[in-house]
Protein backbone atom coordinates (compact mmCIF):
# COMPACT_ATOMS: atom_id res chain seq x y z
CA MET A 1 80.79 114.77 136.28
CA THR A 2 83.34 114.82 133.75
CA LYS A 3 85.84 118.20 133.74
CA LYS A 4 84.03 119.31 130.43
CA GLN A 5 80.84 119.38 132.47
CA GLU A 6 82.18 120.87 135.27
CA TRP A 7 84.25 123.59 133.15
CA ILE A 8 80.27 124.12 131.25
CA THR A 9 78.25 124.59 134.70
CA MET A 10 80.93 127.08 136.46
CA PHE A 11 80.36 129.34 133.40
CA ILE A 12 76.99 129.47 133.63
CA VAL A 13 77.11 129.97 137.42
CA CYS A 14 79.70 132.93 136.95
CA ASP A 15 77.04 134.55 134.12
CA MET A 16 73.82 133.55 136.39
CA ILE A 17 75.70 135.78 139.29
CA ASN A 18 76.33 138.41 136.97
CA PHE A 19 73.21 138.59 135.81
CA TYR A 20 71.67 138.80 138.91
CA MET A 21 73.94 141.57 139.85
CA GLN A 22 73.12 143.96 137.18
CA ASP A 23 69.04 143.11 137.10
CA THR A 24 69.32 143.80 141.03
CA GLY A 25 72.23 145.90 141.90
CA SER A 26 73.66 143.19 144.48
CA ALA A 27 76.79 143.13 145.50
CA LEU A 28 78.85 139.92 144.57
CA VAL A 29 78.72 138.22 148.00
CA PRO A 30 74.92 138.18 148.18
CA ALA A 31 74.28 137.42 144.59
CA MET A 32 76.91 134.54 145.10
CA ASN A 33 74.42 133.24 148.15
CA LYS A 34 71.18 133.54 145.93
CA VAL A 35 72.76 131.51 143.38
CA TYR A 36 74.31 129.24 145.42
CA THR A 37 71.25 128.27 147.44
CA SER A 38 68.91 127.76 144.42
CA GLN A 39 67.06 124.77 143.33
CA VAL A 40 68.24 125.95 139.74
CA PHE A 41 71.82 125.26 141.13
CA ASP A 42 71.07 122.13 142.24
CA LYS A 43 69.29 120.64 139.52
CA LEU A 44 72.37 122.10 137.36
CA GLN A 45 74.81 120.32 139.36
CA ASP A 46 72.61 116.78 138.59
CA ILE A 47 73.89 116.04 135.34
CA GLU A 48 71.16 113.52 134.90
CA SER A 49 68.43 117.17 134.39
CA GLY A 50 70.67 117.90 131.20
CA LEU A 51 70.37 121.39 132.59
CA TYR A 52 74.22 122.07 132.24
CA CYS A 53 73.53 121.51 128.35
CA GLU A 54 71.05 124.72 128.39
CA GLY A 55 72.00 128.43 127.55
CA SER A 56 72.78 130.70 130.06
CA GLY A 57 69.83 132.94 129.98
CA PHE A 58 67.58 130.08 129.47
CA VAL A 59 69.37 128.89 133.14
CA TYR A 60 69.15 132.49 134.48
CA ASP A 61 65.27 132.49 133.44
CA LEU A 62 64.45 129.39 135.42
CA PHE A 63 66.30 130.91 138.45
CA LYS A 64 64.72 134.42 138.03
CA THR A 65 61.03 132.28 138.24
CA GLU A 66 62.08 130.56 141.28
CA MET A 67 63.19 133.88 143.17
CA GLU A 68 59.78 135.21 142.23
CA TYR A 69 57.93 132.32 143.31
CA GLY A 70 60.23 130.71 145.81
CA LYS A 71 60.72 127.60 144.02
CA LEU A 72 60.74 126.26 140.56
CA LYS A 73 57.94 126.15 138.21
CA GLN A 74 57.21 124.63 135.13
CA LEU A 75 56.73 127.63 132.89
CA GLU A 76 53.78 127.18 130.28
CA ALA A 77 54.62 127.21 126.25
């Protein structure tokens, strides 16, 4: 992972944590725990997935779907 990819990923993760806190009223540490232990976070770290190229909102929607279903789920278009 290049430095640029690391920075992009870090900003997406920060946004995800903030979105989760706003949506749920969660405190910082529990929100960080949810995000950092998610499958979406793992995919975001995998450069081959290309997920880091997507916007924060898109990645957060994937995260919300994972939280709802307990796993990553392919969304129908």
